[in-house]
Amino acid sequence: MTGGVAPGSGRWGDLGARVLSSLALGLIGIVTVWLGGVVFALFVAAVVGIIVWELTVMAETPGPILIGGVAGMCCLGVALLPPGWGLPLVMLPALLGFGRTRRIRLPHAILSILLVLAGYGMVDLRIAFGAQWLVWLVLVVVATDVAGYFVGRQIGGPKFWPRISPKKTWSGTIGGWVAAALVGAAAAAFGLAGPEIVPVSIALSMAAQMGDIVESAVKRRVGVKDSSALLPGHGGFFDRFDGVLGAAIFLLLVEQLIAFPPIQG
């Protein structure tokens, strides 16, 4: 999740579990990103399927395992098929659960579509631009998350949106933007792109934070703290990947608006 949190008693109590689960998941992610191809597509499809399962459970929709499994297979199909052939698969998981969903019907449908698109965006980024740009995207999100976590807990201050996410602060939010800008500056310094990558990185940081806010709003709506209990210290996969998925969806739009990667000056 992205964004800062306010200081309080026992404020570092969950840090150990967060670090261990992040390292384990990060190691799997690094290996699959390095291998690329079908291996990475399978990893992304599995993550999308699990998140749709979590979302379907929160929506109290019958058959969450079926819908999550279909979403994962659809994500894999969209990523590997020619774009035109894969388009119907983007819609299928949402339609499969729409008529049977008991709660948050519209958010469930919209998020199911966006999750499949986000999975496609990540695989397409790896194929079209190489591993270094996928690493850049992940680093932007991680930097946003880490800076938001520590800056928010150290500085505190006004809350970002207390009704939806009462622990997030403006200090942590802005700290995330600064950290993302530094990641972009590093990419420019290493010659991967021109200086325009800095504002692009900040915009991706904002998209990651919006992904986190949307996920928090859904959980608030259904009255749960975590999307599931699959990842110690983080809750569920939706809790952990909301920022990456938000950034991946935004990057699909960025690629249509500007030359990507930004040309070196």
Protein backbone atom coordinates (compact mmCIF):
# COMPACT_ATOMS: atom_id res chain seq x y z
CA MET A 1 0.00 0.00 0.00
CA THR A 2 1.13 3.54 -0.62
CA GLY A 3 0.98 6.77 1.38
CA GLY A 4 2.05 7.76 4.86
CA VAL A 5 0.57 6.90 8.21
CA ALA A 6 0.38 8.89 11.39
CA PRO A 7 2.64 8.17 14.32
CA GLY A 8 1.35 6.30 17.30
CA SER A 9 2.15 3.74 19.99
CA GLY A 10 3.79 0.54 18.76
CA ARG A 11 4.35 2.19 15.44
CA TRP A 12 7.09 -0.24 14.34
CA GLY A 13 5.33 -3.37 15.61
CA ASP A 14 4.44 -4.73 12.18
CA LEU A 15 7.74 -3.89 10.51
CA GLY A 16 9.33 -7.35 10.88
CA ALA A 17 6.45 -9.21 9.27
CA ARG A 18 6.22 -6.60 6.51
CA VAL A 19 9.92 -6.90 5.69
CA LEU A 20 9.99 -10.71 5.64
CA SER A 21 6.92 -11.11 3.45
CA SER A 22 8.14 -8.33 1.15
CA LEU A 23 11.53 -10.01 0.75
CA ALA A 24 9.97 -13.39 -0.08
CA LEU A 25 7.53 -11.94 -2.57
CA GLY A 26 10.18 -9.60 -3.96
CA LEU A 27 12.56 -12.50 -4.61
CA ILE A 28 9.89 -14.36 -6.59
CA GLY A 29 9.12 -11.19 -8.50
CA ILE A 30 12.79 -10.53 -9.33
CA VAL A 31 13.30 -14.04 -10.68
CA THR A 32 10.18 -13.95 -12.84
CA VAL A 33 10.98 -10.45 -14.16
CA TRP A 34 14.47 -11.61 -15.09
CA LEU A 35 13.14 -14.71 -16.86
CA GLY A 36 10.38 -12.75 -18.60
CA GLY A 37 8.20 -14.34 -21.27
CA VAL A 38 5.64 -16.93 -20.25
CA VAL A 39 7.13 -17.30 -16.75
CA PHE A 40 6.53 -13.65 -15.92
CA ALA A 41 3.10 -13.73 -17.59
CA LEU A 42 2.16 -16.72 -15.41
CA PHE A 43 3.30 -14.91 -12.26
CA VAL A 44 1.29 -11.79 -13.12
CA ALA A 45 -1.76 -13.89 -14.04
CA ALA A 46 -1.55 -15.71 -10.70
CA VAL A 47 -1.38 -12.40 -8.80
CA VAL A 48 -4.35 -10.98 -10.74
CA GLY A 49 -6.34 -14.16 -10.16
CA ILE A 50 -5.67 -14.06 -6.42
CA ILE A 51 -6.64 -10.39 -6.18
CA VAL A 52 -9.88 -10.97 -8.09
CA TRP A 53 -10.58 -13.87 -5.72
CA GLU A 54 -10.03 -11.53 -2.74
CA LEU A 55 -12.28 -8.92 -4.33
CA THR A 56 -14.96 -11.52 -5.06
CA VAL A 57 -14.90 -12.76 -1.46
CA MET A 58 -15.30 -9.19 -0.21
CA ALA A 59 -18.20 -8.71 -2.64
CA GLU A 60 -19.87 -11.87 -1.27
CA THR A 61 -20.14 -13.34 -4.75
CA PRO A 62 -20.70 -17.10 -5.05
CA GLY A 63 -17.84 -19.05 -6.63
CA PRO A 64 -14.89 -16.78 -5.79
CA ILE A 65 -12.34 -19.49 -6.65
CA LEU A 66 -13.93 -19.98 -10.07
CA ILE A 67 -14.06 -16.24 -10.81
CA GLY A 68 -10.51 -15.69 -9.57
CA GLY A 69 -9.26 -18.62 -11.65
CA VAL A 70 -11.04 -17.34 -14.74
CA ALA A 71 -9.57 -13.87 -14.16
CA GLY A 72 -6.07 -15.30 -13.96
CA MET A 73 -6.52 -17.30 -17.16
CA CYS A 74 -8.04 -14.28 -18.91
CA CYS A 75 -5.09 -12.13 -17.84
CA LEU A 76 -2.71 -14.72 -19.26
CA GLY A 77 -4.70 -14.87 -22.49
CA VAL A 78 -4.82 -11.09 -22.91
CA ALA A 79 -1.06 -10.89 -22.31
CA LEU A 80 -0.11 -13.62 -24.79
CA LEU A 81 -2.73 -13.34 -27.54
CA PRO A 82 -2.73 -10.66 -30.26
CA PRO A 83 -4.49 -7.57 -28.80
CA GLY A 84 -7.71 -7.90 -30.79
CA TRP A 85 -8.20 -11.54 -29.88
CA GLY A 86 -7.63 -10.88 -26.20
CA LEU A 87 -10.08 -8.01 -25.76
CA PRO A 88 -13.16 -10.16 -24.91
CA LEU A 89 -11.16 -11.76 -22.11
CA VAL A 90 -10.78 -8.36 -20.43
CA MET A 91 -14.54 -8.24 -19.85
CA LEU A 92 -15.24 -11.88 -19.02
CA PRO A 93 -14.43 -11.99 -15.26
CA ALA A 94 -16.55 -8.89 -14.61
CA LEU A 95 -19.53 -10.32 -16.48
CA LEU A 96 -19.12 -13.70 -14.81
CA GLY A 97 -19.68 -12.21 -11.37
CA PHE A 98 -21.89 -9.22 -12.14
CA GLY A 99 -25.29 -10.87 -11.91
CA ARG A 100 -24.45 -12.81 -8.74
CA THR A 101 -22.56 -10.20 -6.73
CA ARG A 102 -24.34 -9.31 -3.47
CA ARG A 103 -22.25 -6.26 -2.49
CA ILE A 104 -20.23 -3.59 -4.30
CA ARG A 105 -21.49 -4.90 -7.65
CA LEU A 106 -20.26 -2.00 -9.79
CA PRO A 107 -16.87 -1.61 -8.05
CA HIS A 108 -16.37 -5.38 -8.37
CA ALA A 109 -17.05 -5.27 -12.11
CA ILE A 110 -14.93 -2.18 -12.79
CA LEU A 111 -12.01 -3.38 -10.70
CA SER A 112 -12.11 -6.84 -12.29
CA ILE A 113 -11.71 -5.22 -15.71
CA LEU A 114 -8.95 -2.88 -14.51
CA LEU A 115 -7.05 -5.71 -12.82
CA VAL A 116 -6.90 -7.75 -16.02
CA LEU A 117 -5.80 -4.62 -17.92
CA ALA A 118 -3.14 -3.90 -15.31
CA GLY A 119 -1.79 -7.42 -15.64
CA TYR A 120 -1.63 -7.01 -19.39
CA GLY A 121 0.12 -3.66 -18.95
CA MET A 122 2.87 -5.18 -16.81
CA VAL A 123 3.53 -8.06 -19.20
CA ASP A 124 3.46 -5.70 -22.19
CA LEU A 125 5.95 -3.37 -20.46
CA ARG A 126 8.33 -6.28 -19.92
CA ILE A 127 8.04 -7.49 -23.52
CA ALA A 128 8.05 -4.13 -25.29
CA PHE A 129 10.66 -2.20 -23.29
CA GLY A 130 12.66 -4.77 -21.33
CA ALA A 131 13.18 -5.68 -17.72
CA GLN A 132 14.79 -2.35 -16.78
CA TRP A 133 11.56 -0.43 -17.28
CA LEU A 134 9.52 -2.89 -15.29
CA VAL A 135 12.11 -2.55 -12.53
CA TRP A 136 11.74 1.24 -12.79
CA LEU A 137 7.96 1.00 -12.37
CA VAL A 138 8.28 -1.28 -9.35
CA LEU A 139 10.97 0.95 -7.81
CA VAL A 140 8.73 4.00 -8.21
CA VAL A 141 5.93 2.19 -6.36
CA VAL A 142 8.23 0.76 -3.68
CA ALA A 143 9.88 4.13 -3.12
CA THR A 144 6.44 5.73 -2.82
CA ASP A 145 5.39 3.07 -0.33
CA VAL A 146 8.55 3.11 1.79
CA ALA A 147 8.85 6.91 1.87
CA GLY A 148 5.16 7.25 2.68
CA TYR A 149 5.46 4.72 5.50
CA PHE A 150 8.50 6.23 7.20
CA VAL A 151 7.90 9.93 6.48
CA GLY A 152 4.29 9.64 7.57
CA ARG A 153 5.20 7.92 10.82
CA GLN A 154 8.04 10.28 11.61
CA ILE A 155 6.40 13.60 10.67
CA GLY A 156 2.66 12.90 10.88
CA GLY A 157 0.50 15.98 10.38
CA PRO A 158 -2.79 16.47 8.52
CA LYS A 159 -4.52 13.35 7.28
CA PHE A 160 -4.93 12.73 3.55
CA TRP A 161 -8.50 11.34 3.63
CA PRO A 162 -9.40 10.40 7.20
CA ARG A 163 -12.83 8.95 6.43
CA ILE A 164 -11.42 6.37 4.02
CA SER A 165 -7.84 5.90 5.19
CA PRO A 166 -7.46 7.43 8.65
CA LYS A 167 -3.73 6.67 9.03
CA LYS A 168 -2.46 8.26 5.83
CA THR A 169 -0.97 11.73 6.04
CA TRP A 170 -0.14 14.46 3.58
CA SER A 171 3.48 14.35 4.73
CA GLY A 172 3.76 10.69 3.75
CA THR A 173 1.95 11.32 0.48
CA ILE A 174 4.33 14.13 -0.53
CA GLY A 175 7.29 12.10 0.71
CA GLY A 176 6.24 9.41 -1.75
CA TRP A 177 6.28 11.92 -4.61
CA VAL A 178 9.78 13.07 -3.69
CA ALA A 179 11.04 9.48 -3.52
CA ALA A 180 9.51 8.70 -6.92
CA ALA A 181 11.16 11.80 -8.39
CA LEU A 182 14.52 10.54 -7.13
CA VAL A 183 13.93 7.19 -8.84
CA GLY A 184 13.17 9.05 -12.07
CA ALA A 185 16.25 11.21 -11.65
CA ALA A 186 18.36 8.09 -11.20
CA ALA A 187 16.91 6.62 -14.42
CA ALA A 188 17.85 9.80 -16.26
CA ALA A 189 21.32 9.87 -14.69
CA PHE A 190 21.98 6.30 -15.86
CA GLY A 191 21.02 7.29 -19.39
CA LEU A 192 17.78 5.28 -19.61
CA ALA A 193 15.70 8.31 -20.58
CA GLY A 194 15.60 12.08 -20.70
CA PRO A 195 14.69 14.38 -17.77
CA GLU A 196 10.99 14.03 -18.62
CA ILE A 197 11.12 10.68 -16.80
CA VAL A 198 11.14 12.63 -13.49
CA PRO A 199 7.60 14.08 -13.79
CA VAL A 200 6.44 10.79 -15.33
CA SER A 201 7.72 9.02 -12.21
CA ILE A 202 5.87 11.49 -9.97
CA ALA A 203 2.65 10.94 -11.93
CA LEU A 204 3.09 7.17 -11.60
CA SER A 205 3.57 7.65 -7.86
CA MET A 206 0.27 9.52 -7.73
CA ALA A 207 -1.42 6.74 -9.71
CA ALA A 208 -0.02 4.18 -7.27
CA GLN A 209 -1.42 6.19 -4.37
CA MET A 210 -4.80 6.37 -6.09
CA GLY A 211 -4.73 2.60 -6.49
CA ASP A 212 -4.15 2.34 -2.76
CA ILE A 213 -6.98 4.78 -1.98
CA VAL A 214 -9.42 2.86 -4.20
CA GLU A 215 -8.51 -0.36 -2.45
CA SER A 216 -8.95 1.29 0.96
CA ALA A 217 -12.35 2.63 -0.08
CA VAL A 218 -13.49 -0.84 -1.14
CA LYS A 219 -12.38 -2.34 2.16
CA ARG A 220 -14.06 0.47 4.08
CA ARG A 221 -17.27 -0.13 2.11
CA VAL A 222 -17.41 -3.83 3.00
CA GLY A 223 -16.08 -3.34 6.54
CA VAL A 224 -12.81 -5.32 6.45
CA LYS A 225 -9.29 -4.35 7.50
CA ASP A 226 -7.38 -6.50 4.99
CA SER A 227 -8.35 -7.96 1.63
CA SER A 228 -7.23 -11.35 3.00
CA ALA A 229 -4.65 -12.81 5.39
CA LEU A 230 -2.32 -14.28 2.76
CA LEU A 231 0.67 -11.96 3.34
CA PRO A 232 1.83 -11.42 6.95
CA GLY A 233 2.17 -7.74 7.75
CA HIS A 234 0.43 -6.67 4.56
CA GLY A 235 -2.95 -8.40 4.59
CA GLY A 236 -3.75 -9.72 1.14
CA PHE A 237 -2.36 -9.49 -2.35
CA PHE A 238 -4.66 -6.56 -3.14
CA ASP A 239 -3.19 -4.71 -0.16
CA ARG A 240 0.33 -5.34 -1.47
CA PHE A 241 -0.12 -4.85 -5.22
CA ASP A 242 -2.71 -2.05 -5.34
CA GLY A 243 -0.05 0.57 -6.06
CA VAL A 244 1.73 -1.46 -8.75
CA LEU A 245 -1.56 -2.18 -10.49
CA GLY A 246 -2.63 1.46 -10.35
CA ALA A 247 0.70 2.52 -11.82
CA ALA A 248 0.53 -0.14 -14.55
CA ILE A 249 -2.93 1.02 -15.65
CA PHE A 250 -1.77 4.64 -15.73
CA LEU A 251 1.32 3.70 -17.72
CA LEU A 252 -0.91 2.21 -20.43
CA LEU A 253 -2.40 5.70 -20.79
CA VAL A 254 1.00 7.42 -20.62
CA GLU A 255 2.22 5.33 -23.56
CA GLN A 256 -0.61 6.76 -25.67
CA LEU A 257 0.09 10.39 -24.68
CA ILE A 258 3.87 10.73 -24.84
CA ALA A 259 6.82 8.98 -26.41
CA PHE A 260 7.86 6.27 -23.98
CA PRO A 261 10.51 5.94 -22.77
CA PRO A 262 11.05 9.71 -22.84
CA ILE A 263 13.80 10.58 -25.31
CA GLN A 264 17.15 11.49 -23.84
CA GLY A 265 18.02 15.16 -24.05
